[in-house]
Amino acid sequence: MSRMYRYRLPPWCRHWLYVIEKATLPICIYQLIRTVIFPTTLDVLLLGVCIGLHLAFRVKWI
């Protein structure tokens, strides 16, 4: 099974991965503030997904 390498992707796809990678931290911070002010189940789930996505980029899983 071959591992997904970022540099094998087309240039437009690599660009979008870079944009998403840089945007996850501000989105996580916004979602954290929103969850602290208006805690709902959906906000907590979105925060968990956002943190998981940010960590996946951080440890180079994506």
PDB file of N, CA and C in Angstrom:
ATOM      1  N   MET A   1       0.848  -1.178   0.000  1.00  0.00           N
ATOM      2  CA  MET A   1       0.000   0.000   0.000  1.00  0.00           C
ATOM      3  C   MET A   1       0.892   1.239   0.000  1.00  0.00           C
ATOM      4  N   SER A   2       0.675   2.102  -0.953  1.00  0.00           N
ATOM      5  CA  SER A   2       1.556   3.268  -1.056  1.00  0.00           C
ATOM      6  C   SER A   2       1.044   4.408  -0.185  1.00  0.00           C
ATOM      7  N   ARG A   3       1.955   5.097   0.408  1.00  0.00           N
ATOM      8  CA  ARG A   3       1.637   6.223   1.275  1.00  0.00           C
ATOM      9  C   ARG A   3       1.401   7.454   0.416  1.00  0.00           C
ATOM     10  N   MET A   4       0.496   8.328   0.866  1.00  0.00           N
ATOM     11  CA  MET A   4       0.220   9.541   0.105  1.00  0.00           C
ATOM     12  C   MET A   4       1.319  10.559   0.372  1.00  0.00           C
ATOM     13  N   TYR A   5       2.044  10.917  -0.641  1.00  0.00           N
ATOM     14  CA  TYR A   5       3.049  11.947  -0.521  1.00  0.00           C
ATOM     15  C   TYR A   5       2.506  13.243  -1.085  1.00  0.00           C
ATOM     16  N   ARG A   6       2.699  14.299  -0.358  1.00  0.00           N
ATOM     17  CA  ARG A   6       2.177  15.593  -0.739  1.00  0.00           C
ATOM     18  C   ARG A   6       2.740  16.066  -2.075  1.00  0.00           C
ATOM     19  N   TYR A   7       3.993  15.729  -2.355  1.00  0.00           N
ATOM     20  CA  TYR A   7       4.644  16.241  -3.554  1.00  0.00           C
ATOM     21  C   TYR A   7       4.295  15.455  -4.809  1.00  0.00           C
ATOM     22  N   ARG A   8       3.575  14.353  -4.675  1.00  0.00           N
ATOM     23  CA  ARG A   8       3.099  13.612  -5.840  1.00  0.00           C
ATOM     24  C   ARG A   8       1.788  14.181  -6.366  1.00  0.00           C
ATOM     25  N   LEU A   9       1.156  15.025  -5.596  1.00  0.00           N
ATOM     26  CA  LEU A   9      -0.129  15.598  -5.984  1.00  0.00           C
ATOM     27  C   LEU A   9       0.054  16.686  -7.034  1.00  0.00           C
ATOM     28  N   PRO A  10      -1.003  16.996  -7.781  1.00  0.00           N
ATOM     29  CA  PRO A  10      -0.917  18.102  -8.737  1.00  0.00           C
ATOM     30  C   PRO A  10      -0.667  19.425  -8.010  1.00  0.00           C
ATOM     31  N   PRO A  11      -0.082  20.405  -8.689  1.00  0.00           N
ATOM     32  CA  PRO A  11       0.237  21.680  -8.036  1.00  0.00           C
ATOM     33  C   PRO A  11      -0.972  22.382  -7.414  1.00  0.00           C
ATOM     34  N   TRP A  12      -2.128  22.321  -8.070  1.00  0.00           N
ATOM     35  CA  TRP A  12      -3.293  22.997  -7.516  1.00  0.00           C
ATOM     36  C   TRP A  12      -3.746  22.333  -6.212  1.00  0.00           C
ATOM     37  N   CYS A  13      -3.599  21.031  -6.129  1.00  0.00           N
ATOM     38  CA  CYS A  13      -3.985  20.303  -4.911  1.00  0.00           C
ATOM     39  C   CYS A  13      -3.001  20.604  -3.776  1.00  0.00           C
ATOM     40  N   ARG A  14      -1.718  20.655  -4.097  1.00  0.00           N
ATOM     41  CA  ARG A  14      -0.726  21.017  -3.082  1.00  0.00           C
ATOM     42  C   ARG A  14      -0.975  22.412  -2.550  1.00  0.00           C
ATOM     43  N   HIS A  15      -1.360  23.331  -3.428  1.00  0.00           N
ATOM     44  CA  HIS A  15      -1.647  24.705  -3.010  1.00  0.00           C
ATOM     45  C   HIS A  15      -2.815  24.728  -2.023  1.00  0.00           C
ATOM     46  N   TRP A  16      -3.882  23.989  -2.321  1.00  0.00           N
ATOM     47  CA  TRP A  16      -5.029  23.976  -1.417  1.00  0.00           C
ATOM     48  C   TRP A  16      -4.701  23.308  -0.088  1.00  0.00           C
ATOM     49  N   LEU A  17      -3.871  22.275  -0.102  1.00  0.00           N
ATOM     50  CA  LEU A  17      -3.435  21.679   1.160  1.00  0.00           C
ATOM     51  C   LEU A  17      -2.662  22.692   2.009  1.00  0.00           C
ATOM     52  N   TYR A  18      -1.811  23.476   1.369  1.00  0.00           N
ATOM     53  CA  TYR A  18      -1.062  24.512   2.071  1.00  0.00           C
ATOM     54  C   TYR A  18      -1.996  25.567   2.656  1.00  0.00           C
ATOM     55  N   VAL A  19      -3.000  25.980   1.894  1.00  0.00           N
ATOM     56  CA  VAL A  19      -3.955  26.982   2.370  1.00  0.00           C
ATOM     57  C   VAL A  19      -4.744  26.436   3.558  1.00  0.00           C
ATOM     58  N   ILE A  20      -5.213  25.208   3.457  1.00  0.00           N
ATOM     59  CA  ILE A  20      -5.979  24.602   4.550  1.00  0.00           C
ATOM     60  C   ILE A  20      -5.103  24.436   5.790  1.00  0.00           C
ATOM     61  N   GLU A  21      -3.859  24.036   5.583  1.00  0.00           N
ATOM     62  CA  GLU A  21      -2.933  23.863   6.708  1.00  0.00           C
ATOM     63  C   GLU A  21      -2.730  25.169   7.465  1.00  0.00           C
ATOM     64  N   LYS A  22      -2.578  26.266   6.746  1.00  0.00           N
ATOM     65  CA  LYS A  22      -2.355  27.561   7.397  1.00  0.00           C
ATOM     66  C   LYS A  22      -3.629  28.125   8.004  1.00  0.00           C
ATOM     67  N   ALA A  23      -4.802  27.704   7.530  1.00  0.00           N
ATOM     68  CA  ALA A  23      -6.062  28.252   8.026  1.00  0.00           C
ATOM     69  C   ALA A  23      -6.611  27.501   9.234  1.00  0.00           C
ATOM     70  N   THR A  24      -6.089  26.317   9.533  1.00  0.00           N
ATOM     71  CA  THR A  24      -6.682  25.532  10.613  1.00  0.00           C
ATOM     72  C   THR A  24      -6.489  26.155  11.991  1.00  0.00           C
ATOM     73  N   LEU A  25      -5.347  26.768  12.253  1.00  0.00           N
ATOM     74  CA  LEU A  25      -5.127  27.348  13.582  1.00  0.00           C
ATOM     75  C   LEU A  25      -6.078  28.508  13.874  1.00  0.00           C
ATOM     76  N   PRO A  26      -6.242  29.497  12.988  1.00  0.00           N
ATOM     77  CA  PRO A  26      -7.216  30.552  13.286  1.00  0.00           C
ATOM     78  C   PRO A  26      -8.648  30.034  13.416  1.00  0.00           C
ATOM     79  N   ILE A  27      -8.998  29.026  12.608  1.00  0.00           N
ATOM     80  CA  ILE A  27     -10.341  28.457  12.718  1.00  0.00           C
ATOM     81  C   ILE A  27     -10.513  27.748  14.055  1.00  0.00           C
ATOM     82  N   CYS A  28      -9.473  27.044  14.517  1.00  0.00           N
ATOM     83  CA  CYS A  28      -9.532  26.377  15.824  1.00  0.00           C
ATOM     84  C   CYS A  28      -9.687  27.390  16.954  1.00  0.00           C
ATOM     85  N   ILE A  29      -8.968  28.482  16.876  1.00  0.00           N
ATOM     86  CA  ILE A  29      -9.064  29.513  17.912  1.00  0.00           C
ATOM     87  C   ILE A  29     -10.463  30.121  17.925  1.00  0.00           C
ATOM     88  N   TYR A  30     -10.999  30.434  16.748  1.00  0.00           N
ATOM     89  CA  TYR A  30     -12.357  30.973  16.663  1.00  0.00           C
ATOM     90  C   TYR A  30     -13.362  29.979  17.229  1.00  0.00           C
ATOM     91  N   GLN A  31     -13.226  28.713  16.860  1.00  0.00           N
ATOM     92  CA  GLN A  31     -14.160  27.700  17.332  1.00  0.00           C
ATOM     93  C   GLN A  31     -14.042  27.489  18.840  1.00  0.00           C
ATOM     94  N   LEU A  32     -12.844  27.599  19.385  1.00  0.00           N
ATOM     95  CA  LEU A  32     -12.662  27.487  20.835  1.00  0.00           C
ATOM     96  C   LEU A  32     -13.381  28.620  21.559  1.00  0.00           C
ATOM     97  N   ILE A  33     -13.228  29.841  21.059  1.00  0.00           N
ATOM     98  CA  ILE A  33     -13.917  30.989  21.673  1.00  0.00           C
ATOM     99  C   ILE A  33     -15.428  30.815  21.577  1.00  0.00           C
ATOM    100  N   ARG A  34     -15.894  30.369  20.411  1.00  0.00           N
ATOM    101  CA  ARG A  34     -17.329  30.157  20.220  1.00  0.00           C
ATOM    102  C   ARG A  34     -17.851  29.064  21.152  1.00  0.00           C
ATOM    103  N   THR A  35     -17.071  28.010  21.345  1.00  0.00           N
ATOM    104  CA  THR A  35     -17.489  26.911  22.216  1.00  0.00           C
ATOM    105  C   THR A  35     -17.520  27.347  23.671  1.00  0.00           C
ATOM    106  N   VAL A  36     -16.594  28.203  24.072  1.00  0.00           N
ATOM    107  CA  VAL A  36     -16.593  28.690  25.463  1.00  0.00           C
ATOM    108  C   VAL A  36     -17.805  29.591  25.713  1.00  0.00           C
ATOM    109  N   ILE A  37     -18.161  30.411  24.723  1.00  0.00           N
ATOM    110  CA  ILE A  37     -19.279  31.340  24.903  1.00  0.00           C
ATOM    111  C   ILE A  37     -20.620  30.638  24.740  1.00  0.00           C
ATOM    112  N   PHE A  38     -20.796  29.861  23.676  1.00  0.00           N
ATOM    113  CA  PHE A  38     -22.058  29.169  23.387  1.00  0.00           C
ATOM    114  C   PHE A  38     -21.813  27.667  23.257  1.00  0.00           C
ATOM    115  N   PRO A  39     -21.667  26.964  24.374  1.00  0.00           N
ATOM    116  CA  PRO A  39     -21.346  25.534  24.272  1.00  0.00           C
ATOM    117  C   PRO A  39     -22.557  24.697  23.834  1.00  0.00           C
ATOM    118  N   THR A  40     -22.477  24.160  22.644  1.00  0.00           N
ATOM    119  CA  THR A  40     -23.472  23.204  22.169  1.00  0.00           C
ATOM    120  C   THR A  40     -22.731  21.943  21.733  1.00  0.00           C
ATOM    121  N   THR A  41     -23.478  20.896  21.529  1.00  0.00           N
ATOM    122  CA  THR A  41     -22.876  19.638  21.103  1.00  0.00           C
ATOM    123  C   THR A  41     -22.185  19.789  19.755  1.00  0.00           C
ATOM    124  N   LEU A  42     -22.822  20.494  18.842  1.00  0.00           N
ATOM    125  CA  LEU A  42     -22.236  20.698  17.521  1.00  0.00           C
ATOM    126  C   LEU A  42     -20.923  21.478  17.608  1.00  0.00           C
ATOM    127  N   ASP A  43     -20.881  22.504  18.462  1.00  0.00           N
ATOM    128  CA  ASP A  43     -19.645  23.284  18.612  1.00  0.00           C
ATOM    129  C   ASP A  43     -18.510  22.439  19.168  1.00  0.00           C
ATOM    130  N   VAL A  44     -18.817  21.589  20.123  1.00  0.00           N
ATOM    131  CA  VAL A  44     -17.782  20.722  20.707  1.00  0.00           C
ATOM    132  C   VAL A  44     -17.280  19.725  19.658  1.00  0.00           C
ATOM    133  N   LEU A  45     -18.186  19.164  18.866  1.00  0.00           N
ATOM    134  CA  LEU A  45     -17.778  18.238  17.808  1.00  0.00           C
ATOM    135  C   LEU A  45     -16.936  18.943  16.748  1.00  0.00           C
ATOM    136  N   LEU A  46     -17.348  20.137  16.334  1.00  0.00           N
ATOM    137  CA  LEU A  46     -16.571  20.891  15.360  1.00  0.00           C
ATOM    138  C   LEU A  46     -15.186  21.241  15.891  1.00  0.00           C
ATOM    139  N   LEU A  47     -15.106  21.593  17.153  1.00  0.00           N
ATOM    140  CA  LEU A  47     -13.809  21.894  17.758  1.00  0.00           C
ATOM    141  C   LEU A  47     -12.920  20.658  17.768  1.00  0.00           C
ATOM    142  N   GLY A  48     -13.487  19.507  18.088  1.00  0.00           N
ATOM    143  CA  GLY A  48     -12.716  18.261  18.073  1.00  0.00           C
ATOM    144  C   GLY A  48     -12.201  17.914  16.683  1.00  0.00           C
ATOM    145  N   VAL A  49     -13.051  18.067  15.676  1.00  0.00           N
ATOM    146  CA  VAL A  49     -12.634  17.801  14.297  1.00  0.00           C
ATOM    147  C   VAL A  49     -11.560  18.785  13.871  1.00  0.00           C
ATOM    148  N   CYS A  50     -11.736  20.036  14.235  1.00  0.00           N
ATOM    149  CA  CYS A  50     -10.776  21.074  13.856  1.00  0.00           C
ATOM    150  C   CYS A  50      -9.414  20.822  14.511  1.00  0.00           C
ATOM    151  N   ILE A  51      -9.414  20.484  15.779  1.00  0.00           N
ATOM    152  CA  ILE A  51      -8.158  20.189  16.475  1.00  0.00           C
ATOM    153  C   ILE A  51      -7.513  18.933  15.885  1.00  0.00           C
ATOM    154  N   GLY A  52      -8.315  17.922  15.585  1.00  0.00           N
ATOM    155  CA  GLY A  52      -7.777  16.714  14.963  1.00  0.00           C
ATOM    156  C   GLY A  52      -7.160  16.983  13.607  1.00  0.00           C
ATOM    157  N   LEU A  53      -7.801  17.821  12.807  1.00  0.00           N
ATOM    158  CA  LEU A  53      -7.257  18.182  11.496  1.00  0.00           C
ATOM    159  C   LEU A  53      -5.960  18.968  11.644  1.00  0.00           C
ATOM    160  N   HIS A  54      -5.935  19.887  12.593  1.00  0.00           N
ATOM    161  CA  HIS A  54      -4.721  20.677  12.822  1.00  0.00           C
ATOM    162  C   HIS A  54      -3.568  19.777  13.288  1.00  0.00           C
ATOM    163  N   LEU A  55      -3.855  18.860  14.173  1.00  0.00           N
ATOM    164  CA  LEU A  55      -2.810  17.937  14.640  1.00  0.00           C
ATOM    165  C   LEU A  55      -2.333  17.012  13.520  1.00  0.00           C
ATOM    166  N   ALA A  56      -3.244  16.603  12.641  1.00  0.00           N
ATOM    167  CA  ALA A  56      -2.855  15.755  11.518  1.00  0.00           C
ATOM    168  C   ALA A  56      -1.888  16.494  10.597  1.00  0.00           C
ATOM    169  N   PHE A  57      -2.121  17.773  10.372  1.00  0.00           N
ATOM    170  CA  PHE A  57      -1.171  18.564   9.578  1.00  0.00           C
ATOM    171  C   PHE A  57       0.136  18.755  10.332  1.00  0.00           C
ATOM    172  N   ARG A  58       0.050  18.937  11.643  1.00  0.00           N
ATOM    173  CA  ARG A  58       1.243  19.200  12.451  1.00  0.00           C
ATOM    174  C   ARG A  58       2.226  18.030  12.468  1.00  0.00           C
ATOM    175  N   VAL A  59       1.689  16.813  12.582  1.00  0.00           N
ATOM    176  CA  VAL A  59       2.558  15.627  12.643  1.00  0.00           C
ATOM    177  C   VAL A  59       2.761  15.002  11.270  1.00  0.00           C
ATOM    178  N   LYS A  60       2.358  15.726  10.217  1.00  0.00           N
ATOM    179  CA  LYS A  60       2.595  15.330   8.815  1.00  0.00           C
ATOM    180  C   LYS A  60       1.884  14.044   8.421  1.00  0.00           C
ATOM    181  N   TRP A  61       0.669  13.819   8.953  1.00  0.00           N
ATOM    182  CA  TRP A  61      -0.131  12.694   8.498  1.00  0.00           C
ATOM    183  C   TRP A  61      -0.793  13.018   7.180  1.00  0.00           C
ATOM    184  N   ILE A  62      -1.012  14.316   6.932  1.00  0.00           N
ATOM    185  CA  ILE A  62      -1.628  14.761   5.683  1.00  0.00           C
ATOM    186  C   ILE A  62      -0.585  15.553   4.928  1.00  0.00           C
TER     187      ILE A  62
END
